[in-house]
Amino acid sequence: MAHLSERELNELFELFEAELRILWNMDRLEKMKLRRRIRNVLWPIVNTQTVDPDLVMGAIKEKLGDVIRLFRDRNGFLEKLYDFLSDALLGDVLSKYERQKRKLRALGC
């Protein structure tokens, strides 16, 4: 089963960090609390034995939905996140067409 490597895990956290940097209306302590919450939620989700990015995205949306709603470009962020997860977890297993179809289904389009 596929797990995220340490480098991929750091890239995943960096996706969230980039969005947190854009939030100008939030003070430093609130951002620190959000970072801790993101880390505490993401760590068990990405270290499960699942290789399905749809399930991982569903869990992230469910547990961090209120945090994602704060982001300026929610839809763009979710697309980047899904692309990252599908590349990291599935690699070359699926064709480009299948990835696009799964992405649209996961994003609710």
N, C-alpha and C. Protein backbone atom coordinates (compact mmCIF):
# COMPACT_ATOMS: atom_id res chain seq x y z
N MET A 1 0.83 -1.18 0.00
CA MET A 1 0.00 0.00 0.00
C MET A 1 0.88 1.25 0.00
N ALA A 2 0.36 2.31 -0.53
CA ALA A 2 1.13 3.53 -0.68
C ALA A 2 0.98 4.43 0.54
N HIS A 3 2.09 4.96 0.93
CA HIS A 3 2.14 5.99 1.96
C HIS A 3 2.82 7.19 1.36
N LEU A 4 2.62 8.33 1.96
CA LEU A 4 3.34 9.51 1.52
C LEU A 4 4.72 9.50 2.14
N SER A 5 5.72 9.83 1.34
CA SER A 5 7.07 9.94 1.87
C SER A 5 7.17 11.21 2.71
N GLU A 6 8.26 11.35 3.41
CA GLU A 6 8.45 12.55 4.24
C GLU A 6 8.47 13.81 3.38
N ARG A 7 9.08 13.73 2.21
CA ARG A 7 9.12 14.87 1.30
C ARG A 7 7.72 15.23 0.82
N GLU A 8 6.92 14.23 0.47
CA GLU A 8 5.56 14.47 0.01
C GLU A 8 4.68 15.02 1.13
N LEU A 9 4.91 14.53 2.35
CA LEU A 9 4.16 15.03 3.49
C LEU A 9 4.48 16.50 3.74
N ASN A 10 5.75 16.86 3.61
CA ASN A 10 6.15 18.26 3.76
C ASN A 10 5.52 19.13 2.67
N GLU A 11 5.44 18.62 1.45
CA GLU A 11 4.79 19.35 0.36
C GLU A 11 3.30 19.54 0.65
N LEU A 12 2.67 18.54 1.23
CA LEU A 12 1.26 18.64 1.57
C LEU A 12 1.04 19.73 2.62
N PHE A 13 1.87 19.73 3.65
CA PHE A 13 1.76 20.78 4.67
C PHE A 13 2.06 22.15 4.08
N GLU A 14 2.96 22.20 3.11
CA GLU A 14 3.31 23.48 2.47
C GLU A 14 2.14 24.03 1.65
N LEU A 15 1.31 23.15 1.06
CA LEU A 15 0.11 23.61 0.36
C LEU A 15 -0.80 24.38 1.32
N PHE A 16 -1.02 23.82 2.49
CA PHE A 16 -1.85 24.50 3.48
C PHE A 16 -1.16 25.76 3.99
N GLU A 17 0.14 25.69 4.20
CA GLU A 17 0.89 26.83 4.72
C GLU A 17 0.83 28.02 3.76
N ALA A 18 0.91 27.75 2.47
CA ALA A 18 0.84 28.83 1.49
C ALA A 18 -0.50 29.55 1.56
N GLU A 19 -1.57 28.80 1.77
CA GLU A 19 -2.88 29.43 1.89
C GLU A 19 -3.01 30.20 3.20
N LEU A 20 -2.41 29.68 4.27
CA LEU A 20 -2.48 30.39 5.55
C LEU A 20 -1.71 31.72 5.49
N ARG A 21 -0.63 31.76 4.74
CA ARG A 21 0.14 33.01 4.61
C ARG A 21 -0.68 34.12 3.96
N ILE A 22 -1.62 33.75 3.11
CA ILE A 22 -2.42 34.74 2.39
C ILE A 22 -3.47 35.38 3.31
N LEU A 23 -3.87 34.69 4.36
CA LEU A 23 -4.90 35.21 5.25
C LEU A 23 -4.36 36.41 6.03
N TRP A 24 -4.73 37.57 5.62
CA TRP A 24 -4.21 38.78 6.26
C TRP A 24 -5.06 39.22 7.44
N ASN A 25 -6.29 38.77 7.52
CA ASN A 25 -7.19 39.22 8.58
C ASN A 25 -7.15 38.34 9.83
N MET A 26 -6.13 37.54 9.96
CA MET A 26 -6.02 36.62 11.09
C MET A 26 -4.68 36.88 11.79
N ASP A 27 -4.72 36.94 13.11
CA ASP A 27 -3.47 37.20 13.82
C ASP A 27 -2.60 35.94 13.93
N ARG A 28 -1.40 36.14 14.40
CA ARG A 28 -0.39 35.08 14.43
C ARG A 28 -0.82 33.88 15.28
N LEU A 29 -1.41 34.15 16.43
CA LEU A 29 -1.81 33.05 17.32
C LEU A 29 -2.92 32.20 16.70
N GLU A 30 -3.87 32.84 16.03
CA GLU A 30 -4.93 32.07 15.38
C GLU A 30 -4.36 31.20 14.27
N LYS A 31 -3.39 31.73 13.52
CA LYS A 31 -2.76 30.93 12.47
C LYS A 31 -1.98 29.76 13.06
N MET A 32 -1.35 29.98 14.20
CA MET A 32 -0.62 28.90 14.85
C MET A 32 -1.58 27.78 15.29
N LYS A 33 -2.74 28.16 15.79
CA LYS A 33 -3.74 27.17 16.19
C LYS A 33 -4.24 26.39 14.98
N LEU A 34 -4.45 27.10 13.87
CA LEU A 34 -4.88 26.43 12.65
C LEU A 34 -3.83 25.46 12.14
N ARG A 35 -2.55 25.88 12.19
CA ARG A 35 -1.46 25.00 11.75
C ARG A 35 -1.43 23.71 12.57
N ARG A 36 -1.57 23.86 13.89
CA ARG A 36 -1.55 22.69 14.76
C ARG A 36 -2.74 21.78 14.45
N ARG A 37 -3.90 22.38 14.24
CA ARG A 37 -5.08 21.59 13.92
C ARG A 37 -4.93 20.87 12.58
N ILE A 38 -4.42 21.57 11.58
CA ILE A 38 -4.19 20.96 10.27
C ILE A 38 -3.23 19.78 10.40
N ARG A 39 -2.14 19.99 11.12
CA ARG A 39 -1.15 18.93 11.30
C ARG A 39 -1.76 17.73 12.03
N ASN A 40 -2.54 18.01 13.09
CA ASN A 40 -3.14 16.92 13.87
C ASN A 40 -4.20 16.15 13.09
N VAL A 41 -4.86 16.80 12.15
CA VAL A 41 -5.88 16.13 11.35
C VAL A 41 -5.24 15.39 10.17
N LEU A 42 -4.28 16.03 9.50
CA LEU A 42 -3.69 15.42 8.30
C LEU A 42 -2.83 14.21 8.60
N TRP A 43 -2.11 14.26 9.69
CA TRP A 43 -1.15 13.19 9.98
C TRP A 43 -1.81 11.80 9.98
N PRO A 44 -2.89 11.56 10.74
CA PRO A 44 -3.49 10.22 10.70
C PRO A 44 -4.17 9.90 9.36
N ILE A 45 -4.71 10.91 8.69
CA ILE A 45 -5.42 10.65 7.44
C ILE A 45 -4.46 10.13 6.37
N VAL A 46 -3.32 10.80 6.21
CA VAL A 46 -2.42 10.42 5.12
C VAL A 46 -1.59 9.19 5.45
N ASN A 47 -1.55 8.78 6.71
CA ASN A 47 -0.79 7.60 7.07
C ASN A 47 -1.64 6.34 7.19
N THR A 48 -2.86 6.39 6.70
CA THR A 48 -3.68 5.19 6.68
C THR A 48 -3.25 4.31 5.51
N GLN A 49 -3.83 3.15 5.42
CA GLN A 49 -3.47 2.21 4.36
C GLN A 49 -4.26 2.40 3.08
N THR A 50 -4.88 3.56 2.91
CA THR A 50 -5.68 3.78 1.71
C THR A 50 -4.84 4.40 0.60
N VAL A 51 -5.16 4.04 -0.62
CA VAL A 51 -4.47 4.62 -1.77
C VAL A 51 -5.45 5.40 -2.63
N ASP A 52 -6.64 5.61 -2.13
CA ASP A 52 -7.66 6.29 -2.91
C ASP A 52 -7.70 7.77 -2.55
N PRO A 53 -7.31 8.65 -3.47
CA PRO A 53 -7.33 10.07 -3.17
C PRO A 53 -8.73 10.61 -2.91
N ASP A 54 -9.76 9.95 -3.46
CA ASP A 54 -11.14 10.38 -3.21
C ASP A 54 -11.49 10.26 -1.73
N LEU A 55 -11.10 9.15 -1.11
CA LEU A 55 -11.36 8.95 0.31
C LEU A 55 -10.58 9.93 1.17
N VAL A 56 -9.33 10.17 0.81
CA VAL A 56 -8.50 11.11 1.56
C VAL A 56 -9.09 12.52 1.44
N MET A 57 -9.50 12.91 0.22
CA MET A 57 -10.09 14.23 0.03
C MET A 57 -11.39 14.37 0.83
N GLY A 58 -12.20 13.33 0.84
CA GLY A 58 -13.44 13.38 1.60
C GLY A 58 -13.18 13.57 3.09
N ALA A 59 -12.20 12.88 3.61
CA ALA A 59 -11.86 13.02 5.03
C ALA A 59 -11.32 14.41 5.33
N ILE A 60 -10.50 14.93 4.43
CA ILE A 60 -9.95 16.28 4.65
C ILE A 60 -11.06 17.32 4.59
N LYS A 61 -11.96 17.19 3.62
CA LYS A 61 -13.07 18.14 3.52
C LYS A 61 -13.98 18.07 4.75
N GLU A 62 -14.19 16.86 5.23
CA GLU A 62 -15.07 16.68 6.39
C GLU A 62 -14.46 17.28 7.66
N LYS A 63 -13.19 17.02 7.89
CA LYS A 63 -12.57 17.43 9.15
C LYS A 63 -11.98 18.84 9.11
N LEU A 64 -11.62 19.31 7.92
CA LEU A 64 -11.02 20.65 7.82
C LEU A 64 -11.85 21.58 6.93
N GLY A 65 -13.13 21.28 6.75
CA GLY A 65 -13.97 22.09 5.89
C GLY A 65 -14.05 23.54 6.32
N ASP A 66 -14.15 23.77 7.64
CA ASP A 66 -14.23 25.14 8.12
C ASP A 66 -12.92 25.90 7.89
N VAL A 67 -11.80 25.21 7.94
CA VAL A 67 -10.52 25.86 7.66
C VAL A 67 -10.40 26.18 6.18
N ILE A 68 -10.81 25.25 5.34
CA ILE A 68 -10.71 25.45 3.89
C ILE A 68 -11.62 26.59 3.45
N ARG A 69 -12.75 26.78 4.14
CA ARG A 69 -13.65 27.89 3.79
C ARG A 69 -13.01 29.25 4.03
N LEU A 70 -12.01 29.32 4.89
CA LEU A 70 -11.32 30.58 5.14
C LEU A 70 -10.39 30.97 4.00
N PHE A 71 -9.97 29.99 3.21
CA PHE A 71 -9.01 30.26 2.15
C PHE A 71 -9.63 31.10 1.04
N ARG A 72 -8.83 31.97 0.49
CA ARG A 72 -9.29 32.90 -0.54
C ARG A 72 -9.73 32.18 -1.80
N ASP A 73 -8.95 31.23 -2.28
CA ASP A 73 -9.26 30.51 -3.51
C ASP A 73 -9.53 29.05 -3.16
N ARG A 74 -10.69 28.80 -2.57
CA ARG A 74 -11.02 27.45 -2.10
C ARG A 74 -10.97 26.42 -3.21
N ASN A 75 -11.62 26.73 -4.33
CA ASN A 75 -11.70 25.76 -5.40
C ASN A 75 -10.34 25.47 -6.01
N GLY A 76 -9.53 26.50 -6.20
CA GLY A 76 -8.19 26.29 -6.73
C GLY A 76 -7.33 25.48 -5.77
N PHE A 77 -7.50 25.74 -4.47
CA PHE A 77 -6.75 24.98 -3.47
C PHE A 77 -7.16 23.52 -3.48
N LEU A 78 -8.46 23.25 -3.55
CA LEU A 78 -8.93 21.86 -3.56
C LEU A 78 -8.44 21.13 -4.81
N GLU A 79 -8.38 21.82 -5.93
CA GLU A 79 -7.86 21.18 -7.15
C GLU A 79 -6.39 20.86 -7.00
N LYS A 80 -5.61 21.81 -6.47
CA LYS A 80 -4.17 21.55 -6.25
C LYS A 80 -3.98 20.39 -5.27
N LEU A 81 -4.78 20.37 -4.22
CA LEU A 81 -4.68 19.31 -3.22
C LEU A 81 -5.01 17.96 -3.83
N TYR A 82 -6.07 17.89 -4.63
CA TYR A 82 -6.45 16.62 -5.25
C TYR A 82 -5.38 16.17 -6.25
N ASP A 83 -4.86 17.10 -7.04
CA ASP A 83 -3.80 16.74 -7.99
C ASP A 83 -2.59 16.19 -7.26
N PHE A 84 -2.23 16.85 -6.16
CA PHE A 84 -1.08 16.38 -5.38
C PHE A 84 -1.32 14.98 -4.83
N LEU A 85 -2.48 14.77 -4.24
CA LEU A 85 -2.78 13.47 -3.64
C LEU A 85 -2.85 12.37 -4.68
N SER A 86 -3.45 12.65 -5.83
CA SER A 86 -3.54 11.61 -6.85
C SER A 86 -2.17 11.28 -7.42
N ASP A 87 -1.32 12.29 -7.59
CA ASP A 87 0.04 12.01 -8.07
C ASP A 87 0.84 11.24 -7.03
N ALA A 88 0.71 11.64 -5.76
CA ALA A 88 1.50 11.02 -4.71
C ALA A 88 1.03 9.59 -4.41
N LEU A 89 -0.27 9.39 -4.38
CA LEU A 89 -0.80 8.08 -3.98
C LEU A 89 -0.93 7.11 -5.14
N LEU A 90 -1.28 7.61 -6.31
CA LEU A 90 -1.51 6.72 -7.44
C LEU A 90 -0.35 6.66 -8.41
N GLY A 91 0.43 7.72 -8.47
CA GLY A 91 1.57 7.74 -9.38
C GLY A 91 1.15 7.54 -10.81
N ASP A 92 1.74 6.57 -11.47
CA ASP A 92 1.45 6.31 -12.88
C ASP A 92 0.40 5.23 -13.08
N VAL A 93 -0.33 4.90 -12.03
CA VAL A 93 -1.30 3.81 -12.12
C VAL A 93 -2.46 4.17 -13.06
N LEU A 94 -2.93 5.40 -12.96
CA LEU A 94 -4.09 5.81 -13.77
C LEU A 94 -3.66 6.69 -14.93
N SER A 95 -4.45 6.64 -15.97
CA SER A 95 -4.19 7.51 -17.11
C SER A 95 -4.63 8.93 -16.76
N LYS A 96 -4.22 9.87 -17.58
CA LYS A 96 -4.58 11.26 -17.37
C LYS A 96 -6.09 11.44 -17.41
N TYR A 97 -6.76 10.73 -18.32
CA TYR A 97 -8.22 10.81 -18.44
C TYR A 97 -8.90 10.33 -17.17
N GLU A 98 -8.44 9.21 -16.62
CA GLU A 98 -9.03 8.67 -15.40
C GLU A 98 -8.82 9.61 -14.22
N ARG A 99 -7.64 10.22 -14.14
CA ARG A 99 -7.39 11.17 -13.06
C ARG A 99 -8.33 12.36 -13.15
N GLN A 100 -8.53 12.89 -14.35
CA GLN A 100 -9.41 14.03 -14.54
C GLN A 100 -10.85 13.67 -14.17
N LYS A 101 -11.29 12.48 -14.55
CA LYS A 101 -12.64 12.02 -14.23
C LYS A 101 -12.82 11.90 -12.71
N ARG A 102 -11.84 11.32 -12.04
CA ARG A 102 -11.90 11.18 -10.58
C ARG A 102 -11.87 12.54 -9.90
N LYS A 103 -11.07 13.45 -10.44
CA LYS A 103 -10.96 14.79 -9.86
C LYS A 103 -12.30 15.52 -9.92
N LEU A 104 -12.96 15.46 -11.04
CA LEU A 104 -14.26 16.11 -11.19
C LEU A 104 -15.28 15.50 -10.24
N ARG A 105 -15.23 14.20 -10.08
CA ARG A 105 -16.16 13.53 -9.17
C ARG A 105 -15.87 13.92 -7.72
N ALA A 106 -14.60 14.01 -7.34
CA ALA A 106 -14.24 14.33 -5.96
C ALA A 106 -14.56 15.77 -5.62
N LEU A 107 -14.44 16.67 -6.60
CA LEU A 107 -14.71 18.08 -6.35
C LEU A 107 -16.20 18.41 -6.47
N GLY A 108 -16.99 17.43 -6.88
CA GLY A 108 -18.42 17.63 -6.96
C GLY A 108 -18.88 18.33 -8.22
N CYS A 109 -18.13 18.22 -9.29
CA CYS A 109 -18.50 18.87 -10.56
C CYS A 109 -19.28 17.92 -11.44
